Structure formats: structure tokens, C-alpha cells
Amino acid sequence: MDVTKTSELIGQQERTDAELRRRFAQIFAAYRANAFLHRHDHLFLEQWTPQSAASAYEFERYEIGPEQIALYGIERAHCFTYRISISFPRALVDDPAAIDEYFHGQLNEYSALREQIAAAAKARAEAEIAALREAMRAEPEAGKK
């Protein structure tokens, strides 16, 4: 028969939860910008960077699943509540360097994609300008006929 008192188990659980919250809050603060890496809409890209968008979010809670650990953040502003989350493989939880590498890998992918998006936008803009110039050249010639 187990002789551990239930109150002792509750105390252990509370201490464990407090320590996990402290550790996960540090991870969340370091990598919360990754929650915004997949925002590619024009308005977002004009107004914010992932870092500036995430800066007001505070760690709220965590979920430990069989494969992933999810960290949730919250921002309350202008009568609205906004939430974000990031996650990483549970297998990395004891290796801060591996967690760092995981999130920096996401950032590198984002940087490459953002460069591709910028290059495509520049090419479209250049094509539109060339088409407008061609149309402007064609106008005076149309008037001569």
C-alpha cells in the first residue's frame, strides 16, 4: 500500500508545475516570434516583423503531448484577447541547444521564403512598370494615326 499522503502529491505537483511554467516561459519568450513566421500578407509585412508582432505576448500555459510540447501566449489590448502558440518536439525538451536549433531552422526557412516573396513582388512591380511605359509610348503613336 502507498504511504505517500495525497497532500504531499499535490505539493509535488504544484512545485513541478511551477518549475515547468518557469522553464517554458523562458522558451516562449525567446521564440514567440516564430508564431508569426507564416504571416505573408501585405499588411502584416508592411507594419510588423515577427519580433515586433510577438513582443507584447506573455506566456500563458503549456500542453505536453506525446510528440509535441505546445506553448501558448496571450496579449490583451483594446478590449480584445489575442493568443499565439509555438511548439517543438517533446524529444528536444532536455536539450536547450536542440530547441534553439529547431526554432532557428524555422526562422531560416522563413527568411528564405520572405526573400522569395520579395523577389516575386519586385518582379511583378517591374513588369507592371514596363507595361505602363509601353502603354504610354503607344498612346502618342495611336494619336498620330
N, C-alpha and C. Protein backbone atom coordinates (compact mmCIF):
# COMPACT_ATOMS: atom_id res chain seq x y z
N MET A 1 0.84 -1.18 0.00
CA MET A 1 0.00 0.00 0.00
C MET A 1 0.89 1.25 0.00
N ASP A 2 0.50 2.27 -0.78
CA ASP A 2 1.25 3.51 -0.90
C ASP A 2 1.04 4.36 0.35
N VAL A 3 2.15 4.80 0.94
CA VAL A 3 2.06 5.58 2.18
C VAL A 3 2.21 7.09 1.94
N THR A 4 2.39 7.49 0.71
CA THR A 4 2.50 8.92 0.39
C THR A 4 1.14 9.56 0.56
N LYS A 5 1.11 10.63 1.31
CA LYS A 5 -0.15 11.35 1.51
C LYS A 5 -0.53 12.10 0.25
N THR A 6 -1.81 12.16 0.02
CA THR A 6 -2.32 12.89 -1.14
C THR A 6 -1.88 14.34 -1.11
N SER A 7 -1.88 14.96 0.06
CA SER A 7 -1.46 16.36 0.17
C SER A 7 0.00 16.53 -0.25
N GLU A 8 0.84 15.52 0.01
CA GLU A 8 2.24 15.59 -0.43
C GLU A 8 2.33 15.52 -1.95
N LEU A 9 1.52 14.65 -2.54
CA LEU A 9 1.48 14.55 -4.00
C LEU A 9 1.02 15.86 -4.63
N ILE A 10 0.02 16.49 -4.05
CA ILE A 10 -0.45 17.78 -4.56
C ILE A 10 0.66 18.82 -4.46
N GLY A 11 1.37 18.83 -3.37
CA GLY A 11 2.50 19.74 -3.21
C GLY A 11 3.58 19.51 -4.26
N GLN A 12 3.89 18.24 -4.52
CA GLN A 12 4.87 17.91 -5.54
C GLN A 12 4.39 18.37 -6.92
N GLN A 13 3.12 18.14 -7.19
CA GLN A 13 2.57 18.55 -8.48
C GLN A 13 2.64 20.07 -8.64
N GLU A 14 2.31 20.81 -7.61
CA GLU A 14 2.36 22.27 -7.67
C GLU A 14 3.78 22.77 -7.89
N ARG A 15 4.74 22.18 -7.20
CA ARG A 15 6.14 22.58 -7.38
C ARG A 15 6.63 22.23 -8.78
N THR A 16 6.26 21.05 -9.25
CA THR A 16 6.65 20.63 -10.60
C THR A 16 6.04 21.56 -11.64
N ASP A 17 4.75 21.86 -11.49
CA ASP A 17 4.08 22.75 -12.44
C ASP A 17 4.73 24.14 -12.44
N ALA A 18 5.06 24.66 -11.28
CA ALA A 18 5.69 25.98 -11.19
C ALA A 18 7.04 25.98 -11.90
N GLU A 19 7.80 24.92 -11.73
CA GLU A 19 9.11 24.85 -12.39
C GLU A 19 8.96 24.70 -13.90
N LEU A 20 8.02 23.86 -14.34
CA LEU A 20 7.78 23.72 -15.79
C LEU A 20 7.32 25.05 -16.39
N ARG A 21 6.43 25.75 -15.70
CA ARG A 21 5.97 27.06 -16.18
C ARG A 21 7.15 28.03 -16.31
N ARG A 22 8.04 28.04 -15.35
CA ARG A 22 9.20 28.93 -15.40
C ARG A 22 10.08 28.60 -16.61
N ARG A 23 10.36 27.33 -16.79
CA ARG A 23 11.23 26.92 -17.92
C ARG A 23 10.56 27.18 -19.26
N PHE A 24 9.29 26.81 -19.37
CA PHE A 24 8.59 27.01 -20.63
C PHE A 24 8.37 28.49 -20.94
N ALA A 25 8.21 29.30 -19.91
CA ALA A 25 8.07 30.75 -20.12
C ALA A 25 9.35 31.32 -20.73
N GLN A 26 10.49 30.81 -20.31
CA GLN A 26 11.75 31.27 -20.88
C GLN A 26 11.85 30.88 -22.36
N ILE A 27 11.47 29.67 -22.68
CA ILE A 27 11.50 29.21 -24.07
C ILE A 27 10.53 30.05 -24.90
N PHE A 28 9.32 30.26 -24.36
CA PHE A 28 8.32 31.04 -25.09
C PHE A 28 8.84 32.45 -25.36
N ALA A 29 9.41 33.09 -24.36
CA ALA A 29 9.91 34.47 -24.53
C ALA A 29 10.99 34.53 -25.61
N ALA A 30 11.82 33.52 -25.67
CA ALA A 30 12.92 33.51 -26.63
C ALA A 30 12.45 33.27 -28.07
N TYR A 31 11.37 32.51 -28.24
CA TYR A 31 11.00 32.08 -29.60
C TYR A 31 9.56 32.43 -30.00
N ARG A 32 8.88 33.28 -29.23
CA ARG A 32 7.48 33.59 -29.53
C ARG A 32 7.30 34.22 -30.91
N ALA A 33 8.31 34.89 -31.43
CA ALA A 33 8.19 35.49 -32.77
C ALA A 33 7.94 34.43 -33.84
N ASN A 34 8.35 33.19 -33.58
CA ASN A 34 8.13 32.13 -34.56
C ASN A 34 6.64 31.89 -34.83
N ALA A 35 5.79 32.32 -33.91
CA ALA A 35 4.35 32.16 -34.13
C ALA A 35 3.89 32.98 -35.33
N PHE A 36 4.65 33.98 -35.71
CA PHE A 36 4.25 34.86 -36.80
C PHE A 36 5.04 34.63 -38.09
N LEU A 37 5.85 33.61 -38.14
CA LEU A 37 6.69 33.39 -39.30
C LEU A 37 5.91 33.08 -40.57
N HIS A 38 4.71 32.59 -40.45
CA HIS A 38 3.95 32.21 -41.64
C HIS A 38 2.99 33.30 -42.10
N ARG A 39 3.11 34.48 -41.52
CA ARG A 39 2.30 35.62 -41.97
C ARG A 39 3.00 36.25 -43.17
N HIS A 40 2.38 36.18 -44.32
CA HIS A 40 2.97 36.73 -45.53
C HIS A 40 2.06 37.76 -46.19
N ASP A 41 0.96 38.11 -45.51
CA ASP A 41 0.06 39.08 -46.12
C ASP A 41 0.71 40.46 -46.13
N HIS A 42 0.35 41.23 -47.13
CA HIS A 42 0.96 42.53 -47.38
C HIS A 42 0.87 43.46 -46.17
N LEU A 43 -0.31 43.55 -45.56
CA LEU A 43 -0.50 44.44 -44.42
C LEU A 43 0.45 44.08 -43.28
N PHE A 44 0.55 42.80 -42.97
CA PHE A 44 1.45 42.38 -41.90
C PHE A 44 2.89 42.75 -42.23
N LEU A 45 3.32 42.43 -43.45
CA LEU A 45 4.71 42.67 -43.82
C LEU A 45 5.04 44.16 -43.84
N GLU A 46 4.06 45.01 -44.13
CA GLU A 46 4.30 46.45 -44.12
C GLU A 46 4.40 47.01 -42.70
N GLN A 47 3.64 46.45 -41.77
CA GLN A 47 3.50 47.02 -40.44
C GLN A 47 4.43 46.41 -39.39
N TRP A 48 4.73 45.13 -39.52
CA TRP A 48 5.41 44.44 -38.43
C TRP A 48 6.49 43.50 -38.94
N THR A 49 7.32 43.13 -38.00
CA THR A 49 8.20 41.99 -38.16
C THR A 49 7.65 40.93 -37.19
N PRO A 50 8.02 39.69 -37.34
CA PRO A 50 7.56 38.70 -36.36
C PRO A 50 7.94 39.09 -34.92
N GLN A 51 9.12 39.68 -34.76
CA GLN A 51 9.57 40.06 -33.42
C GLN A 51 8.69 41.17 -32.84
N SER A 52 8.39 42.18 -33.64
CA SER A 52 7.58 43.28 -33.11
C SER A 52 6.14 42.83 -32.86
N ALA A 53 5.62 41.96 -33.71
CA ALA A 53 4.25 41.46 -33.52
C ALA A 53 4.13 40.63 -32.25
N ALA A 54 5.17 39.90 -31.91
CA ALA A 54 5.12 38.99 -30.76
C ALA A 54 5.53 39.65 -29.44
N SER A 55 6.08 40.83 -29.50
CA SER A 55 6.71 41.42 -28.31
C SER A 55 5.77 41.62 -27.12
N ALA A 56 4.48 41.84 -27.35
CA ALA A 56 3.56 42.09 -26.24
C ALA A 56 2.94 40.81 -25.67
N TYR A 57 3.20 39.68 -26.27
CA TYR A 57 2.61 38.42 -25.80
C TYR A 57 3.37 37.89 -24.59
N GLU A 58 2.61 37.46 -23.61
CA GLU A 58 3.18 36.87 -22.41
C GLU A 58 2.80 35.39 -22.35
N PHE A 59 3.68 34.61 -21.76
CA PHE A 59 3.42 33.18 -21.61
C PHE A 59 2.15 32.97 -20.78
N GLU A 60 1.29 32.07 -21.28
CA GLU A 60 0.05 31.78 -20.57
C GLU A 60 0.03 30.36 -20.01
N ARG A 61 0.33 29.38 -20.87
CA ARG A 61 0.21 27.99 -20.43
C ARG A 61 0.99 27.07 -21.37
N TYR A 62 1.04 25.82 -21.01
CA TYR A 62 1.70 24.82 -21.83
C TYR A 62 0.84 23.57 -21.91
N GLU A 63 1.09 22.78 -22.95
CA GLU A 63 0.47 21.46 -23.10
C GLU A 63 1.57 20.50 -23.50
N ILE A 64 1.63 19.38 -22.82
CA ILE A 64 2.62 18.35 -23.15
C ILE A 64 1.88 17.18 -23.78
N GLY A 65 2.16 16.97 -25.05
CA GLY A 65 1.56 15.85 -25.76
C GLY A 65 2.57 14.74 -25.95
N PRO A 66 2.15 13.65 -26.56
CA PRO A 66 3.07 12.53 -26.74
C PRO A 66 4.25 12.86 -27.66
N GLU A 67 4.04 13.76 -28.64
CA GLU A 67 5.08 14.09 -29.61
C GLU A 67 5.55 15.53 -29.53
N GLN A 68 4.68 16.44 -29.11
CA GLN A 68 4.96 17.87 -29.14
C GLN A 68 4.70 18.53 -27.79
N ILE A 69 5.40 19.62 -27.55
CA ILE A 69 5.11 20.49 -26.43
C ILE A 69 4.65 21.81 -27.03
N ALA A 70 3.47 22.24 -26.66
CA ALA A 70 2.91 23.50 -27.17
C ALA A 70 2.95 24.54 -26.06
N LEU A 71 3.40 25.72 -26.43
CA LEU A 71 3.48 26.84 -25.50
C LEU A 71 2.56 27.94 -26.02
N TYR A 72 1.72 28.46 -25.15
CA TYR A 72 0.70 29.43 -25.55
C TYR A 72 0.99 30.78 -24.90
N GLY A 73 0.74 31.81 -25.68
CA GLY A 73 0.90 33.17 -25.18
C GLY A 73 -0.36 33.96 -25.38
N ILE A 74 -0.46 35.06 -24.64
CA ILE A 74 -1.67 35.87 -24.66
C ILE A 74 -1.29 37.35 -24.64
N GLU A 75 -2.08 38.13 -25.35
CA GLU A 75 -1.96 39.58 -25.31
C GLU A 75 -3.37 40.14 -25.16
N ARG A 76 -3.53 41.05 -24.24
CA ARG A 76 -4.82 41.73 -24.06
C ARG A 76 -4.60 43.19 -24.43
N ALA A 77 -5.34 43.63 -25.46
CA ALA A 77 -5.18 45.01 -25.92
C ALA A 77 -6.48 45.49 -26.53
N HIS A 78 -6.85 46.70 -26.20
CA HIS A 78 -8.02 47.35 -26.81
C HIS A 78 -9.28 46.48 -26.72
N CYS A 79 -9.52 45.95 -25.56
CA CYS A 79 -10.70 45.12 -25.27
C CYS A 79 -10.71 43.79 -26.04
N PHE A 80 -9.59 43.39 -26.59
CA PHE A 80 -9.50 42.13 -27.30
C PHE A 80 -8.45 41.26 -26.62
N THR A 81 -8.62 39.95 -26.76
CA THR A 81 -7.64 39.00 -26.29
C THR A 81 -7.10 38.26 -27.50
N TYR A 82 -5.80 38.29 -27.66
CA TYR A 82 -5.13 37.62 -28.77
C TYR A 82 -4.29 36.49 -28.22
N ARG A 83 -4.24 35.39 -28.94
CA ARG A 83 -3.46 34.24 -28.50
C ARG A 83 -2.57 33.75 -29.63
N ILE A 84 -1.40 33.28 -29.25
CA ILE A 84 -0.49 32.65 -30.20
C ILE A 84 0.05 31.38 -29.56
N SER A 85 0.66 30.55 -30.39
CA SER A 85 1.31 29.36 -29.85
C SER A 85 2.52 29.00 -30.69
N ILE A 86 3.45 28.36 -30.05
CA ILE A 86 4.59 27.74 -30.72
C ILE A 86 4.70 26.33 -30.17
N SER A 87 5.33 25.46 -30.91
CA SER A 87 5.51 24.10 -30.41
C SER A 87 6.84 23.56 -30.90
N PHE A 88 7.30 22.54 -30.20
CA PHE A 88 8.54 21.88 -30.58
C PHE A 88 8.44 20.42 -30.18
N PRO A 89 9.25 19.57 -30.79
CA PRO A 89 9.19 18.14 -30.48
C PRO A 89 9.55 17.86 -29.02
N ARG A 90 8.77 17.03 -28.41
CA ARG A 90 8.98 16.67 -27.00
C ARG A 90 10.37 16.07 -26.78
N ALA A 91 10.88 15.39 -27.79
CA ALA A 91 12.18 14.74 -27.68
C ALA A 91 13.31 15.75 -27.43
N LEU A 92 13.09 17.01 -27.72
CA LEU A 92 14.12 18.04 -27.56
C LEU A 92 14.11 18.71 -26.19
N VAL A 93 13.13 18.40 -25.35
CA VAL A 93 12.87 19.17 -24.14
C VAL A 93 14.07 19.29 -23.20
N ASP A 94 14.95 18.32 -23.17
CA ASP A 94 16.09 18.37 -22.25
C ASP A 94 17.35 18.92 -22.90
N ASP A 95 17.24 19.42 -24.12
CA ASP A 95 18.41 19.90 -24.86
C ASP A 95 18.19 21.32 -25.37
N PRO A 96 18.56 22.33 -24.58
CA PRO A 96 18.35 23.72 -25.00
C PRO A 96 18.97 24.05 -26.35
N ALA A 97 20.13 23.48 -26.65
CA ALA A 97 20.77 23.75 -27.94
C ALA A 97 19.93 23.18 -29.09
N ALA A 98 19.34 22.02 -28.89
CA ALA A 98 18.49 21.42 -29.93
C ALA A 98 17.20 22.23 -30.11
N ILE A 99 16.65 22.74 -29.02
CA ILE A 99 15.46 23.60 -29.12
C ILE A 99 15.81 24.86 -29.91
N ASP A 100 16.95 25.45 -29.58
CA ASP A 100 17.41 26.64 -30.29
C ASP A 100 17.60 26.35 -31.78
N GLU A 101 18.22 25.24 -32.09
CA GLU A 101 18.44 24.85 -33.49
C GLU A 101 17.11 24.63 -34.20
N TYR A 102 16.16 24.02 -33.52
CA TYR A 102 14.83 23.77 -34.11
C TYR A 102 14.15 25.09 -34.49
N PHE A 103 14.10 26.02 -33.55
CA PHE A 103 13.42 27.28 -33.83
C PHE A 103 14.21 28.15 -34.81
N HIS A 104 15.53 28.11 -34.76
CA HIS A 104 16.32 28.86 -35.74
C HIS A 104 16.17 28.25 -37.14
N GLY A 105 15.96 26.96 -37.22
CA GLY A 105 15.69 26.34 -38.51
C GLY A 105 14.40 26.88 -39.11
N GLN A 106 13.39 27.04 -38.28
CA GLN A 106 12.14 27.65 -38.76
C GLN A 106 12.39 29.08 -39.24
N LEU A 107 13.19 29.82 -38.50
CA LEU A 107 13.49 31.21 -38.86
C LEU A 107 14.25 31.26 -40.18
N ASN A 108 15.19 30.36 -40.40
CA ASN A 108 15.93 30.32 -41.66
C ASN A 108 15.02 30.02 -42.83
N GLU A 109 14.08 29.08 -42.64
CA GLU A 109 13.11 28.77 -43.70
C GLU A 109 12.27 30.01 -44.00
N TYR A 110 11.84 30.72 -42.96
CA TYR A 110 11.04 31.93 -43.14
C TYR A 110 11.84 32.99 -43.89
N SER A 111 13.09 33.18 -43.53
CA SER A 111 13.91 34.20 -44.18
C SER A 111 14.06 33.91 -45.67
N ALA A 112 14.29 32.65 -46.00
CA ALA A 112 14.41 32.28 -47.41
C ALA A 112 13.09 32.50 -48.14
N LEU A 113 11.98 32.13 -47.52
CA LEU A 113 10.68 32.32 -48.15
C LEU A 113 10.37 33.80 -48.31
N ARG A 114 10.68 34.60 -47.30
CA ARG A 114 10.42 36.03 -47.39
C ARG A 114 11.24 36.66 -48.51
N GLU A 115 12.48 36.21 -48.70
CA GLU A 115 13.30 36.70 -49.82
C GLU A 115 12.66 36.33 -51.15
N GLN A 116 12.12 35.12 -51.26
CA GLN A 116 11.45 34.69 -52.49
C GLN A 116 10.22 35.55 -52.75
N ILE A 117 9.45 35.82 -51.69
CA ILE A 117 8.25 36.65 -51.83
C ILE A 117 8.63 38.06 -52.27
N ALA A 118 9.68 38.62 -51.66
CA ALA A 118 10.13 39.96 -52.02
C ALA A 118 10.61 40.01 -53.46
N ALA A 119 11.34 38.99 -53.88
CA ALA A 119 11.83 38.94 -55.26
C ALA A 119 10.67 38.83 -56.25
N ALA A 120 9.67 38.01 -55.91
CA ALA A 120 8.50 37.88 -56.79
C ALA A 120 7.72 39.18 -56.86
N ALA A 121 7.57 39.86 -55.73
CA ALA A 121 6.86 41.14 -55.71
C ALA A 121 7.62 42.18 -56.53
N LYS A 122 8.93 42.20 -56.42
CA LYS A 122 9.74 43.13 -57.20
C LYS A 122 9.60 42.84 -58.69
N ALA A 123 9.64 41.57 -59.06
CA ALA A 123 9.50 41.20 -60.47
C ALA A 123 8.13 41.61 -61.01
N ARG A 124 7.07 41.42 -60.20
CA ARG A 124 5.73 41.84 -60.64
C ARG A 124 5.67 43.35 -60.81
N ALA A 125 6.24 44.08 -59.87
CA ALA A 125 6.22 45.54 -59.95
C ALA A 125 7.00 46.02 -61.16
N GLU A 126 8.14 45.43 -61.42
CA GLU A 126 8.93 45.81 -62.60
C GLU A 126 8.18 45.50 -63.89
N ALA A 127 7.49 44.38 -63.93
CA ALA A 127 6.69 44.03 -65.11
C ALA A 127 5.54 45.01 -65.31
N GLU A 128 4.89 45.41 -64.22
CA GLU A 128 3.80 46.38 -64.31
C GLU A 128 4.31 47.74 -64.79
N ILE A 129 5.46 48.16 -64.30
CA ILE A 129 6.04 49.44 -64.73
C ILE A 129 6.41 49.38 -66.20
N ALA A 130 7.00 48.28 -66.63
CA ALA A 130 7.35 48.12 -68.04
C ALA A 130 6.10 48.15 -68.92
N ALA A 131 5.04 47.51 -68.48
CA ALA A 131 3.79 47.51 -69.25
C ALA A 131 3.20 48.91 -69.32
N LEU A 132 3.25 49.66 -68.23
CA LEU A 132 2.76 51.04 -68.23
C LEU A 132 3.59 51.92 -69.15
N ARG A 133 4.88 51.78 -69.13
CA ARG A 133 5.75 52.55 -70.03
C ARG A 133 5.45 52.24 -71.48
N GLU A 134 5.25 50.96 -71.75
CA GLU A 134 4.92 50.55 -73.13
C GLU A 134 3.58 51.15 -73.56
N ALA A 135 2.61 51.14 -72.65
CA ALA A 135 1.31 51.72 -72.96
C ALA A 135 1.42 53.22 -73.18
N MET A 136 2.27 53.88 -72.39
CA MET A 136 2.45 55.33 -72.55
C MET A 136 3.14 55.65 -73.88
N ARG A 137 4.06 54.82 -74.31
CA ARG A 137 4.72 55.01 -75.61
C ARG A 137 3.74 54.79 -76.76
N ALA A 138 2.84 53.84 -76.57
CA ALA A 138 1.89 53.50 -77.62
C ALA A 138 0.82 54.58 -77.79
N GLU A 139 0.49 55.31 -76.75
CA GLU A 139 -0.54 56.36 -76.81
C GLU A 139 -0.24 57.45 -77.82
N PRO A 140 0.94 58.08 -77.81
CA PRO A 140 1.21 59.12 -78.80
C PRO A 140 1.17 58.60 -80.24
N GLU A 141 1.62 57.37 -80.43
CA GLU A 141 1.61 56.79 -81.78
C GLU A 141 0.17 56.53 -82.24
N ALA A 142 -0.72 56.17 -81.29
CA ALA A 142 -2.12 55.93 -81.65
C ALA A 142 -2.78 57.24 -82.06
N GLY A 143 -2.38 58.35 -81.45
CA GLY A 143 -2.95 59.65 -81.75
C GLY A 143 -2.52 60.17 -83.12
N LYS A 144 -1.39 59.73 -83.65
CA LYS A 144 -0.87 60.16 -84.96
C LYS A 144 -1.62 59.53 -86.11
N LYS A 145 -2.28 58.42 -85.89
CA LYS A 145 -2.94 57.68 -86.98
C LYS A 145 -4.24 58.27 -87.32
